[in-house]
């Protein structure tokens, strides 16, 4: 059996203190500041290190070449979404260091054992003519100790790594264009 209940009336009057509180909240909400989205000089320099533009309208060709280059340098492709221009790859490496073993023995701290190197490639068309493709690559490593616990996660910011990657990518794209 259904019982009809009276429909509640909408609030037509607010008590004085409630109205004042509501007005204050509305005014304060309107005064919210927009966060500063400018890049610091260090972050801007890092982005420039990680990014290159290529004169081509073949974004799919570039993403395939990046995937091949990563595989040629020992990475395994973990995920690839070519329509979005994204590749993630990784490779496992030994992280042992002789000096660290000595310190670990003296202090009883477990030394580093393995590391996973990760790469992320993002491509996107740029420019008004659509004949340029931007490629951004980032490298990081996750280091594990003897007990397989994560010891550290760090971005790899050595300019040589990025210069080497982009030199090899440029050569591969050049060779592919002239085949």
Foldseek 3Di string as FASTA:
>chain_A
DDDDDDDDDPDPDDPPVVVVVVVVVVVVVVVDDDDDPDDDPVVVVLQVLFKDKDQALCLLVLLVLLQVLCVVVPWDWPDDDSVQQKTKTKHKDFDDDPVQVVVCVVVVPFGWGMKMKMKMWGKDQDDPVSRMIMIGMWIKMFIATPVRDTPDIGTDRDSVVSVVSVVVSVVSVVVVVVD
